Amino acid sequence: MNKDYIRKHVYGIQKEGSGALATAATSIASGTSLYLMALLASSGIAAGWVGAKMTAKGDQDIDTVKKEYENERLKADLGYLKTKTESEYDAFKRQEDPKAARVIA
């Protein structure tokens, strides 16, 4: 194959590709497409803003998290004390009664 033929062929493809790109750009810039894109972009921004406001953390949320933490700490302390008390009571129950000493004469 001739190098000039290859260059002309590749240049022709690039020329056709850039023509298609120009046609697409013109289509996007047309009024209807532009208004549709603006509408979609603004509705996306509005949906994002509403979502951010709905999931934002406030002072009440911080207080709730603090109270939840304190409750979990108290539950853990109560669990520890319950286990400790039960183990001490079990140890007390397992103690054998003192047996009388037998004197063998």
PDB file of N, CA and C in Angstrom:
ATOM      1  N   MET A   1       0.838  -1.183   0.000  1.00  0.00           N
ATOM      2  CA  MET A   1       0.000   0.000   0.000  1.00  0.00           C
ATOM      3  C   MET A   1       0.883   1.247   0.000  1.00  0.00           C
ATOM      4  N   ASN A   2       0.330   2.245  -0.547  1.00  0.00           N
ATOM      5  CA  ASN A   2       1.030   3.506  -0.664  1.00  0.00           C
ATOM      6  C   ASN A   2       0.792   4.347   0.598  1.00  0.00           C
ATOM      7  N   LYS A   3       1.853   4.967   1.102  1.00  0.00           N
ATOM      8  CA  LYS A   3       1.718   5.776   2.317  1.00  0.00           C
ATOM      9  C   LYS A   3       0.807   6.975   2.085  1.00  0.00           C
ATOM     10  N   ASP A   4       0.861   7.554   0.909  1.00  0.00           N
ATOM     11  CA  ASP A   4      -0.011   8.691   0.608  1.00  0.00           C
ATOM     12  C   ASP A   4      -1.481   8.278   0.631  1.00  0.00           C
ATOM     13  N   TYR A   5      -1.772   7.072   0.113  1.00  0.00           N
ATOM     14  CA  TYR A   5      -3.147   6.573   0.130  1.00  0.00           C
ATOM     15  C   TYR A   5      -3.652   6.429   1.564  1.00  0.00           C
ATOM     16  N   ILE A   6      -2.772   5.880   2.440  1.00  0.00           N
ATOM     17  CA  ILE A   6      -3.149   5.692   3.847  1.00  0.00           C
ATOM     18  C   ILE A   6      -3.387   7.040   4.508  1.00  0.00           C
ATOM     19  N   ARG A   7      -2.502   7.994   4.246  1.00  0.00           N
ATOM     20  CA  ARG A   7      -2.661   9.325   4.855  1.00  0.00           C
ATOM     21  C   ARG A   7      -3.970   9.976   4.398  1.00  0.00           C
ATOM     22  N   LYS A   8      -4.269   9.902   3.115  1.00  0.00           N
ATOM     23  CA  LYS A   8      -5.495  10.498   2.594  1.00  0.00           C
ATOM     24  C   LYS A   8      -6.718   9.806   3.186  1.00  0.00           C
ATOM     25  N   HIS A   9      -6.641   8.493   3.315  1.00  0.00           N
ATOM     26  CA  HIS A   9      -7.772   7.745   3.869  1.00  0.00           C
ATOM     27  C   HIS A   9      -8.010   8.126   5.335  1.00  0.00           C
ATOM     28  N   VAL A  10      -6.926   8.185   6.103  1.00  0.00           N
ATOM     29  CA  VAL A  10      -7.055   8.566   7.517  1.00  0.00           C
ATOM     30  C   VAL A  10      -7.534   9.998   7.631  1.00  0.00           C
ATOM     31  N   TYR A  11      -7.013  10.890   6.805  1.00  0.00           N
ATOM     32  CA  TYR A  11      -7.445  12.279   6.844  1.00  0.00           C
ATOM     33  C   TYR A  11      -8.925  12.393   6.499  1.00  0.00           C
ATOM     34  N   GLY A  12      -9.381  11.586   5.559  1.00  0.00           N
ATOM     35  CA  GLY A  12     -10.795  11.602   5.190  1.00  0.00           C
ATOM     36  C   GLY A  12     -11.678  11.156   6.340  1.00  0.00           C
ATOM     37  N   ILE A  13     -11.240  10.136   7.086  1.00  0.00           N
ATOM     38  CA  ILE A  13     -12.010   9.674   8.238  1.00  0.00           C
ATOM     39  C   ILE A  13     -12.048  10.753   9.307  1.00  0.00           C
ATOM     40  N   GLN A  14     -10.925  11.395   9.543  1.00  0.00           N
ATOM     41  CA  GLN A  14     -10.893  12.461  10.542  1.00  0.00           C
ATOM     42  C   GLN A  14     -11.790  13.611  10.120  1.00  0.00           C
ATOM     43  N   LYS A  15     -11.795  13.923   8.803  1.00  0.00           N
ATOM     44  CA  LYS A  15     -12.625  15.012   8.314  1.00  0.00           C
ATOM     45  C   LYS A  15     -14.105  14.673   8.496  1.00  0.00           C
ATOM     46  N   GLU A  16     -14.480  13.437   8.193  1.00  0.00           N
ATOM     47  CA  GLU A  16     -15.869  13.022   8.381  1.00  0.00           C
ATOM     48  C   GLU A  16     -16.234  13.019   9.859  1.00  0.00           C
ATOM     49  N   GLY A  17     -15.309  12.570  10.713  1.00  0.00           N
ATOM     50  CA  GLY A  17     -15.571  12.541  12.148  1.00  0.00           C
ATOM     51  C   GLY A  17     -15.766  13.929  12.702  1.00  0.00           C
ATOM     52  N   SER A  18     -14.959  14.872  12.270  1.00  0.00           N
ATOM     53  CA  SER A  18     -15.108  16.232  12.779  1.00  0.00           C
ATOM     54  C   SER A  18     -16.399  16.850  12.258  1.00  0.00           C
ATOM     55  N   GLY A  19     -16.846  16.449  11.065  1.00  0.00           N
ATOM     56  CA  GLY A  19     -18.116  16.936  10.545  1.00  0.00           C
ATOM     57  C   GLY A  19     -19.272  16.427  11.391  1.00  0.00           C
ATOM     58  N   ALA A  20     -19.199  15.159  11.793  1.00  0.00           N
ATOM     59  CA  ALA A  20     -20.238  14.602  12.655  1.00  0.00           C
ATOM     60  C   ALA A  20     -20.243  15.298  14.006  1.00  0.00           C
ATOM     61  N   LEU A  21     -19.057  15.628  14.502  1.00  0.00           N
ATOM     62  CA  LEU A  21     -18.962  16.333  15.782  1.00  0.00           C
ATOM     63  C   LEU A  21     -19.569  17.720  15.676  1.00  0.00           C
ATOM     64  N   ALA A  22     -19.319  18.394  14.572  1.00  0.00           N
ATOM     65  CA  ALA A  22     -19.891  19.727  14.373  1.00  0.00           C
ATOM     66  C   ALA A  22     -21.409  19.645  14.277  1.00  0.00           C
ATOM     67  N   THR A  23     -21.909  18.621  13.609  1.00  0.00           N
ATOM     68  CA  THR A  23     -23.353  18.444  13.504  1.00  0.00           C
ATOM     69  C   THR A  23     -23.975  18.192  14.875  1.00  0.00           C
ATOM     70  N   ALA A  24     -23.317  17.372  15.688  1.00  0.00           N
ATOM     71  CA  ALA A  24     -23.825  17.090  17.037  1.00  0.00           C
ATOM     72  C   ALA A  24     -23.803  18.352  17.888  1.00  0.00           C
ATOM     73  N   ALA A  25     -22.736  19.133  17.789  1.00  0.00           N
ATOM     74  CA  ALA A  25     -22.645  20.371  18.572  1.00  0.00           C
ATOM     75  C   ALA A  25     -23.746  21.333  18.170  1.00  0.00           C
ATOM     76  N   THR A  26     -24.053  21.403  16.884  1.00  0.00           N
ATOM     77  CA  THR A  26     -25.125  22.275  16.410  1.00  0.00           C
ATOM     78  C   THR A  26     -26.469  21.800  16.947  1.00  0.00           C
ATOM     79  N   SER A  27     -26.655  20.489  16.964  1.00  0.00           N
ATOM     80  CA  SER A  27     -27.909  19.943  17.463  1.00  0.00           C
ATOM     81  C   SER A  27     -28.089  20.253  18.946  1.00  0.00           C
ATOM     82  N   ILE A  28     -27.010  20.122  19.723  1.00  0.00           N
ATOM     83  CA  ILE A  28     -27.097  20.406  21.158  1.00  0.00           C
ATOM     84  C   ILE A  28     -27.370  21.870  21.403  1.00  0.00           C
ATOM     85  N   ALA A  29     -26.783  22.730  20.571  1.00  0.00           N
ATOM     86  CA  ALA A  29     -26.943  24.166  20.763  1.00  0.00           C
ATOM     87  C   ALA A  29     -28.312  24.662  20.314  1.00  0.00           C
ATOM     88  N   SER A  30     -29.082  23.827  19.681  1.00  0.00           N
ATOM     89  CA  SER A  30     -30.407  24.275  19.254  1.00  0.00           C
ATOM     90  C   SER A  30     -31.258  24.574  20.490  1.00  0.00           C
ATOM     91  N   GLY A  31     -32.267  25.393  20.313  1.00  0.00           N
ATOM     92  CA  GLY A  31     -33.059  25.880  21.434  1.00  0.00           C
ATOM     93  C   GLY A  31     -33.713  24.796  22.265  1.00  0.00           C
ATOM     94  N   THR A  32     -34.333  23.831  21.643  1.00  0.00           N
ATOM     95  CA  THR A  32     -35.072  22.804  22.377  1.00  0.00           C
ATOM     96  C   THR A  32     -34.131  21.973  23.239  1.00  0.00           C
ATOM     97  N   SER A  33     -33.028  21.554  22.661  1.00  0.00           N
ATOM     98  CA  SER A  33     -32.082  20.743  23.418  1.00  0.00           C
ATOM     99  C   SER A  33     -31.478  21.539  24.569  1.00  0.00           C
ATOM    100  N   LEU A  34     -31.194  22.796  24.305  1.00  0.00           N
ATOM    101  CA  LEU A  34     -30.595  23.628  25.337  1.00  0.00           C
ATOM    102  C   LEU A  34     -31.548  23.822  26.514  1.00  0.00           C
ATOM    103  N   TYR A  35     -32.821  24.078  26.225  1.00  0.00           N
ATOM    104  CA  TYR A  35     -33.803  24.241  27.299  1.00  0.00           C
ATOM    105  C   TYR A  35     -34.000  22.947  28.086  1.00  0.00           C
ATOM    106  N   LEU A  36     -34.005  21.824  27.371  1.00  0.00           N
ATOM    107  CA  LEU A  36     -34.163  20.539  28.035  1.00  0.00           C
ATOM    108  C   LEU A  36     -32.982  20.255  28.964  1.00  0.00           C
ATOM    109  N   MET A  37     -31.777  20.543  28.480  1.00  0.00           N
ATOM    110  CA  MET A  37     -30.593  20.320  29.326  1.00  0.00           C
ATOM    111  C   MET A  37     -30.606  21.243  30.543  1.00  0.00           C
ATOM    112  N   ALA A  38     -31.022  22.485  30.366  1.00  0.00           N
ATOM    113  CA  ALA A  38     -31.104  23.423  31.489  1.00  0.00           C
ATOM    114  C   ALA A  38     -32.133  22.952  32.509  1.00  0.00           C
ATOM    115  N   LEU A  39     -33.264  22.458  32.029  1.00  0.00           N
ATOM    116  CA  LEU A  39     -34.304  21.958  32.926  1.00  0.00           C
ATOM    117  C   LEU A  39     -33.801  20.762  33.725  1.00  0.00           C
ATOM    118  N   LEU A  40     -33.146  19.829  33.043  1.00  0.00           N
ATOM    119  CA  LEU A  40     -32.635  18.651  33.735  1.00  0.00           C
ATOM    120  C   LEU A  40     -31.544  19.013  34.739  1.00  0.00           C
ATOM    121  N   ALA A  41     -30.667  19.935  34.365  1.00  0.00           N
ATOM    122  CA  ALA A  41     -29.600  20.341  35.283  1.00  0.00           C
ATOM    123  C   ALA A  41     -30.171  21.032  36.509  1.00  0.00           C
ATOM    124  N   SER A  42     -31.143  21.919  36.311  1.00  0.00           N
ATOM    125  CA  SER A  42     -31.715  22.628  37.464  1.00  0.00           C
ATOM    126  C   SER A  42     -32.503  21.682  38.358  1.00  0.00           C
ATOM    127  N   SER A  43     -33.203  20.707  37.767  1.00  0.00           N
ATOM    128  CA  SER A  43     -33.932  19.760  38.614  1.00  0.00           C
ATOM    129  C   SER A  43     -32.962  18.859  39.375  1.00  0.00           C
ATOM    130  N   GLY A  44     -31.828  18.518  38.777  1.00  0.00           N
ATOM    131  CA  GLY A  44     -30.809  17.741  39.490  1.00  0.00           C
ATOM    132  C   GLY A  44     -30.207  18.519  40.640  1.00  0.00           C
ATOM    133  N   ILE A  45     -29.950  19.782  40.418  1.00  0.00           N
ATOM    134  CA  ILE A  45     -29.404  20.630  41.489  1.00  0.00           C
ATOM    135  C   ILE A  45     -30.431  20.766  42.616  1.00  0.00           C
ATOM    136  N   ALA A  46     -31.698  20.956  42.263  1.00  0.00           N
ATOM    137  CA  ALA A  46     -32.749  21.084  43.282  1.00  0.00           C
ATOM    138  C   ALA A  46     -32.887  19.794  44.082  1.00  0.00           C
ATOM    139  N   ALA A  47     -32.847  18.663  43.402  1.00  0.00           N
ATOM    140  CA  ALA A  47     -32.954  17.377  44.115  1.00  0.00           C
ATOM    141  C   ALA A  47     -31.759  17.176  45.049  1.00  0.00           C
ATOM    142  N   GLY A  48     -30.583  17.552  44.619  1.00  0.00           N
ATOM    143  CA  GLY A  48     -29.408  17.445  45.479  1.00  0.00           C
ATOM    144  C   GLY A  48     -29.502  18.354  46.691  1.00  0.00           C
ATOM    145  N   TRP A  49     -30.001  19.566  46.504  1.00  0.00           N
ATOM    146  CA  TRP A  49     -30.134  20.517  47.615  1.00  0.00           C
ATOM    147  C   TRP A  49     -31.142  19.996  48.639  1.00  0.00           C
ATOM    148  N   VAL A  50     -32.276  19.493  48.153  1.00  0.00           N
ATOM    149  CA  VAL A  50     -33.297  18.957  49.057  1.00  0.00           C
ATOM    150  C   VAL A  50     -32.751  17.745  49.812  1.00  0.00           C
ATOM    151  N   GLY A  51     -32.049  16.869  49.113  1.00  0.00           N
ATOM    152  CA  GLY A  51     -31.459  15.695  49.770  1.00  0.00           C
ATOM    153  C   GLY A  51     -30.453  16.081  50.830  1.00  0.00           C
ATOM    154  N   ALA A  52     -29.652  17.114  50.550  1.00  0.00           N
ATOM    155  CA  ALA A  52     -28.665  17.571  51.530  1.00  0.00           C
ATOM    156  C   ALA A  52     -29.343  18.153  52.764  1.00  0.00           C
ATOM    157  N   LYS A  53     -30.410  18.903  52.556  1.00  0.00           N
ATOM    158  CA  LYS A  53     -31.128  19.479  53.698  1.00  0.00           C
ATOM    159  C   LYS A  53     -31.812  18.397  54.535  1.00  0.00           C
ATOM    160  N   MET A  54     -32.307  17.359  53.877  1.00  0.00           N
ATOM    161  CA  MET A  54     -33.005  16.305  54.617  1.00  0.00           C
ATOM    162  C   MET A  54     -32.049  15.457  55.445  1.00  0.00           C
ATOM    163  N   THR A  55     -30.825  15.297  55.008  1.00  0.00           N
ATOM    164  CA  THR A  55     -29.886  14.432  55.714  1.00  0.00           C
ATOM    165  C   THR A  55     -28.892  15.204  56.562  1.00  0.00           C
ATOM    166  N   ALA A  56     -29.047  16.509  56.669  1.00  0.00           N
ATOM    167  CA  ALA A  56     -28.112  17.317  57.451  1.00  0.00           C
ATOM    168  C   ALA A  56     -28.264  17.009  58.937  1.00  0.00           C
ATOM    169  N   LYS A  57     -27.145  17.014  59.654  1.00  0.00           N
ATOM    170  CA  LYS A  57     -27.150  16.776  61.091  1.00  0.00           C
ATOM    171  C   LYS A  57     -27.338  18.109  61.811  1.00  0.00           C
ATOM    172  N   GLY A  58     -28.206  18.106  62.802  1.00  0.00           N
ATOM    173  CA  GLY A  58     -28.451  19.311  63.579  1.00  0.00           C
ATOM    174  C   GLY A  58     -28.087  19.092  65.036  1.00  0.00           C
ATOM    175  N   ASP A  59     -28.342  20.104  65.863  1.00  0.00           N
ATOM    176  CA  ASP A  59     -28.046  20.014  67.298  1.00  0.00           C
ATOM    177  C   ASP A  59     -28.853  18.906  67.959  1.00  0.00           C
ATOM    178  N   GLN A  60     -30.082  18.737  67.550  1.00  0.00           N
ATOM    179  CA  GLN A  60     -30.930  17.702  68.136  1.00  0.00           C
ATOM    180  C   GLN A  60     -30.346  16.315  67.849  1.00  0.00           C
ATOM    181  N   ASP A  61     -29.804  16.136  66.641  1.00  0.00           N
ATOM    182  CA  ASP A  61     -29.195  14.852  66.299  1.00  0.00           C
ATOM    183  C   ASP A  61     -27.963  14.588  67.162  1.00  0.00           C
ATOM    184  N   ILE A  62     -27.178  15.614  67.429  1.00  0.00           N
ATOM    185  CA  ILE A  62     -25.982  15.459  68.260  1.00  0.00           C
ATOM    186  C   ILE A  62     -26.383  15.079  69.681  1.00  0.00           C
ATOM    187  N   ASP A  63     -27.416  15.736  70.218  1.00  0.00           N
ATOM    188  CA  ASP A  63     -27.900  15.391  71.562  1.00  0.00           C
ATOM    189  C   ASP A  63     -28.403  13.953  71.611  1.00  0.00           C
ATOM    190  N   THR A  64     -29.090  13.531  70.554  1.00  0.00           N
ATOM    191  CA  THR A  64     -29.605  12.158  70.505  1.00  0.00           C
ATOM    192  C   THR A  64     -28.465  11.158  70.516  1.00  0.00           C
ATOM    193  N   VAL A  65     -27.424  11.421  69.752  1.00  0.00           N
ATOM    194  CA  VAL A  65     -26.273  10.514  69.712  1.00  0.00           C
ATOM    195  C   VAL A  65     -25.593  10.460  71.074  1.00  0.00           C
ATOM    196  N   LYS A  66     -25.484  11.609  71.747  1.00  0.00           N
ATOM    197  CA  LYS A  66     -24.879  11.624  73.082  1.00  0.00           C
ATOM    198  C   LYS A  66     -25.696  10.774  74.058  1.00  0.00           C
ATOM    199  N   LYS A  67     -27.017  10.929  74.008  1.00  0.00           N
ATOM    200  CA  LYS A  67     -27.880  10.157  74.903  1.00  0.00           C
ATOM    201  C   LYS A  67     -27.799   8.662  74.594  1.00  0.00           C
ATOM    202  N   GLU A  68     -27.732   8.323  73.310  1.00  0.00           N
ATOM    203  CA  GLU A  68     -27.592   6.910  72.951  1.00  0.00           C
ATOM    204  C   GLU A  68     -26.287   6.342  73.492  1.00  0.00           C
ATOM    205  N   TYR A  69     -25.209   7.121  73.411  1.00  0.00           N
ATOM    206  CA  TYR A  69     -23.918   6.667  73.928  1.00  0.00           C
ATOM    207  C   TYR A  69     -23.990   6.457  75.441  1.00  0.00           C
ATOM    208  N   GLU A  70     -24.591   7.424  76.143  1.00  0.00           N
ATOM    209  CA  GLU A  70     -24.703   7.303  77.596  1.00  0.00           C
ATOM    210  C   GLU A  70     -25.540   6.076  77.965  1.00  0.00           C
ATOM    211  N   ASN A  71     -26.628   5.842  77.249  1.00  0.00           N
ATOM    212  CA  ASN A  71     -27.460   4.666  77.523  1.00  0.00           C
ATOM    213  C   ASN A  71     -26.683   3.371  77.307  1.00  0.00           C
ATOM    214  N   GLU A  72     -25.897   3.306  76.243  1.00  0.00           N
ATOM    215  CA  GLU A  72     -25.109   2.096  75.990  1.00  0.00           C
ATOM    216  C   GLU A  72     -24.051   1.891  77.074  1.00  0.00           C
ATOM    217  N   ARG A  73     -23.442   2.988  77.540  1.00  0.00           N
ATOM    218  CA  ARG A  73     -22.458   2.881  78.620  1.00  0.00           C
ATOM    219  C   ARG A  73     -23.135   2.386  79.903  1.00  0.00           C
ATOM    220  N   LEU A  74     -24.327   2.912  80.200  1.00  0.00           N
ATOM    221  CA  LEU A  74     -25.042   2.469  81.396  1.00  0.00           C
ATOM    222  C   LEU A  74     -25.444   1.003  81.287  1.00  0.00           C
ATOM    223  N   LYS A  75     -25.879   0.584  80.083  1.00  0.00           N
ATOM    224  CA  LYS A  75     -26.214  -0.825  79.888  1.00  0.00           C
ATOM    225  C   LYS A  75     -24.990  -1.704  80.115  1.00  0.00           C
ATOM    226  N   ALA A  76     -23.843  -1.260  79.630  1.00  0.00           N
ATOM    227  CA  ALA A  76     -22.622  -2.043  79.814  1.00  0.00           C
ATOM    228  C   ALA A  76     -22.254  -2.112  81.295  1.00  0.00           C
ATOM    229  N   ASP A  77     -22.388  -0.992  82.008  1.00  0.00           N
ATOM    230  CA  ASP A  77     -22.088  -0.987  83.444  1.00  0.00           C
ATOM    231  C   ASP A  77     -23.040  -1.906  84.206  1.00  0.00           C
ATOM    232  N   LEU A  78     -24.333  -1.840  83.862  1.00  0.00           N
ATOM    233  CA  LEU A  78     -25.301  -2.713  84.523  1.00  0.00           C
ATOM    234  C   LEU A  78     -25.009  -4.181  84.230  1.00  0.00           C
ATOM    235  N   GLY A  79     -24.635  -4.472  83.021  1.00  0.00           N
ATOM    236  CA  GLY A  79     -24.275  -5.842  82.669  1.00  0.00           C
ATOM    237  C   GLY A  79     -23.071  -6.330  83.451  1.00  0.00           C
ATOM    238  N   TYR A  80     -22.080  -5.454  83.598  1.00  0.00           N
ATOM    239  CA  TYR A  80     -20.883  -5.816  84.376  1.00  0.00           C
ATOM    240  C   TYR A  80     -21.255  -6.093  85.827  1.00  0.00           C
ATOM    241  N   LEU A  81     -22.051  -5.185  86.415  1.00  0.00           N
ATOM    242  CA  LEU A  81     -22.439  -5.366  87.811  1.00  0.00           C
ATOM    243  C   LEU A  81     -23.292  -6.612  88.007  1.00  0.00           C
ATOM    244  N   LYS A  82     -24.180  -6.906  87.070  1.00  0.00           N
ATOM    245  CA  LYS A  82     -25.017  -8.095  87.156  1.00  0.00           C
ATOM    246  C   LYS A  82     -24.146  -9.358  87.119  1.00  0.00           C
ATOM    247  N   THR A  83     -23.220  -9.391  86.203  1.00  0.00           N
ATOM    248  CA  THR A  83     -22.341 -10.557  86.083  1.00  0.00           C
ATOM    249  C   THR A  83     -21.488 -10.724  87.335  1.00  0.00           C
ATOM    250  N   LYS A  84     -20.961  -9.633  87.844  1.00  0.00           N
ATOM    251  CA  LYS A  84     -20.122  -9.679  89.053  1.00  0.00           C
ATOM    252  C   LYS A  84     -20.939 -10.184  90.241  1.00  0.00           C
ATOM    253  N   THR A  85     -22.161  -9.646  90.399  1.00  0.00           N
ATOM    254  CA  THR A  85     -23.020 -10.061  91.513  1.00  0.00           C
ATOM    255  C   THR A  85     -23.383 -11.537  91.404  1.00  0.00           C
ATOM    256  N   GLU A  86     -23.735 -11.981  90.207  1.00  0.00           N
ATOM    257  CA  GLU A  86     -24.095 -13.385  90.021  1.00  0.00           C
ATOM    258  C   GLU A  86     -22.912 -14.309  90.296  1.00  0.00           C
ATOM    259  N   SER A  87     -21.727 -13.910  89.875  1.00  0.00           N
ATOM    260  CA  SER A  87     -20.560 -14.777  90.111  1.00  0.00           C
ATOM    261  C   SER A  87     -20.233 -14.844  91.609  1.00  0.00           C
ATOM    262  N   GLU A  88     -20.378 -13.715  92.307  1.00  0.00           N
ATOM    263  CA  GLU A  88     -20.126 -13.737  93.760  1.00  0.00           C
ATOM    264  C   GLU A  88     -21.177 -14.597  94.474  1.00  0.00           C
ATOM    265  N   TYR A  89     -22.430 -14.497  94.048  1.00  0.00           N
ATOM    266  CA  TYR A  89     -23.485 -15.298  94.666  1.00  0.00           C
ATOM    267  C   TYR A  89     -23.270 -16.782  94.377  1.00  0.00           C
ATOM    268  N   ASP A  90     -22.876 -17.114  93.164  1.00  0.00           N
ATOM    269  CA  ASP A  90     -22.581 -18.517  92.833  1.00  0.00           C
ATOM    270  C   ASP A  90     -21.418 -19.048  93.672  1.00  0.00           C
ATOM    271  N   ALA A  91     -20.401 -18.206  93.871  1.00  0.00           N
ATOM    272  CA  ALA A  91     -19.277 -18.631  94.703  1.00  0.00           C
ATOM    273  C   ALA A  91     -19.733 -18.846  96.139  1.00  0.00           C
ATOM    274  N   PHE A  92     -20.626 -17.990  96.626  1.00  0.00           N
ATOM    275  CA  PHE A  92     -21.154 -18.139  97.983  1.00  0.00           C
ATOM    276  C   PHE A  92     -21.965 -19.438  98.105  1.00  0.00           C
ATOM    277  N   LYS A  93     -22.787 -19.733  97.076  1.00  0.00           N
ATOM    278  CA  LYS A  93     -23.598 -20.960  97.119  1.00  0.00           C
ATOM    279  C   LYS A  93     -22.734 -22.217  97.054  1.00  0.00           C
ATOM    280  N   ARG A  94     -21.612 -22.150  96.379  1.00  0.00           N
ATOM    281  CA  ARG A  94     -20.764 -23.326  96.228  1.00  0.00           C
ATOM    282  C   ARG A  94     -19.932 -23.644  97.465  1.00  0.00           C
ATOM    283  N   GLN A  95     -19.901 -22.690  98.367  1.00  0.00           N
ATOM    284  CA  GLN A  95     -19.126 -22.969  99.580  1.00  0.00           C
ATOM    285  C   GLN A  95     -19.790 -24.115 100.334  1.00  0.00           C
ATOM    286  N   GLU A  96     -18.982 -25.015 100.791  1.00  0.00           N
ATOM    287  CA  GLU A  96     -19.534 -26.131 101.553  1.00  0.00           C
ATOM    288  C   GLU A  96     -19.738 -25.705 102.997  1.00  0.00           C
ATOM    289  N   ASP A  97     -20.775 -26.274 103.575  1.00  0.00           N
ATOM    290  CA  ASP A  97     -21.003 -26.005 104.988  1.00  0.00           C
ATOM    291  C   ASP A  97     -19.842 -26.597 105.785  1.00  0.00           C
ATOM    292  N   PRO A  98     -19.446 -25.918 106.825  1.00  0.00           N
ATOM    293  CA  PRO A  98     -18.384 -26.486 107.646  1.00  0.00           C
ATOM    294  C   PRO A  98     -18.836 -27.785 108.288  1.00  0.00           C
ATOM    295  N   LYS A  99     -17.972 -28.762 108.268  1.00  0.00           N
ATOM    296  CA  LYS A  99     -18.309 -30.062 108.816  1.00  0.00           C
ATOM    297  C   LYS A  99     -17.749 -30.179 110.237  1.00  0.00           C
ATOM    298  N   ALA A 100     -18.473 -30.888 111.053  1.00  0.00           N
ATOM    299  CA  ALA A 100     -18.030 -31.061 112.428  1.00  0.00           C
ATOM    300  C   ALA A 100     -16.758 -31.921 112.440  1.00  0.00           C
ATOM    301  N   ALA A 101     -15.877 -31.582 113.320  1.00  0.00           N
ATOM    302  CA  ALA A 101     -14.646 -32.361 113.441  1.00  0.00           C
ATOM    303  C   ALA A 101     -14.933 -33.602 114.253  1.00  0.00           C
ATOM    304  N   ARG A 102     -14.406 -34.710 113.811  1.00  0.00           N
ATOM    305  CA  ARG A 102     -14.593 -35.955 114.540  1.00  0.00           C
ATOM    306  C   ARG A 102     -13.309 -36.282 115.275  1.00  0.00           C
ATOM    307  N   VAL A 103     -13.502 -36.555 116.483  1.00  0.00           N
ATOM    308  CA  VAL A 103     -12.347 -36.928 117.296  1.00  0.00           C
ATOM    309  C   VAL A 103     -12.385 -38.434 117.479  1.00  0.00           C
ATOM    310  N   ILE A 104     -11.375 -39.068 117.046  1.00  0.00           N
ATOM    311  CA  ILE A 104     -11.317 -40.538 117.196  1.00  0.00           C
ATOM    312  C   ILE A 104     -10.361 -40.839 118.327  1.00  0.00           C
ATOM    313  N   ALA A 105     -10.889 -41.540 119.329  1.00  0.00           N
ATOM    314  CA  ALA A 105     -10.047 -41.841 120.497  1.00  0.00           C
ATOM    315  C   ALA A 105      -9.624 -43.258 120.544  1.00  0.00           C
TER     316      ALA A 105
END
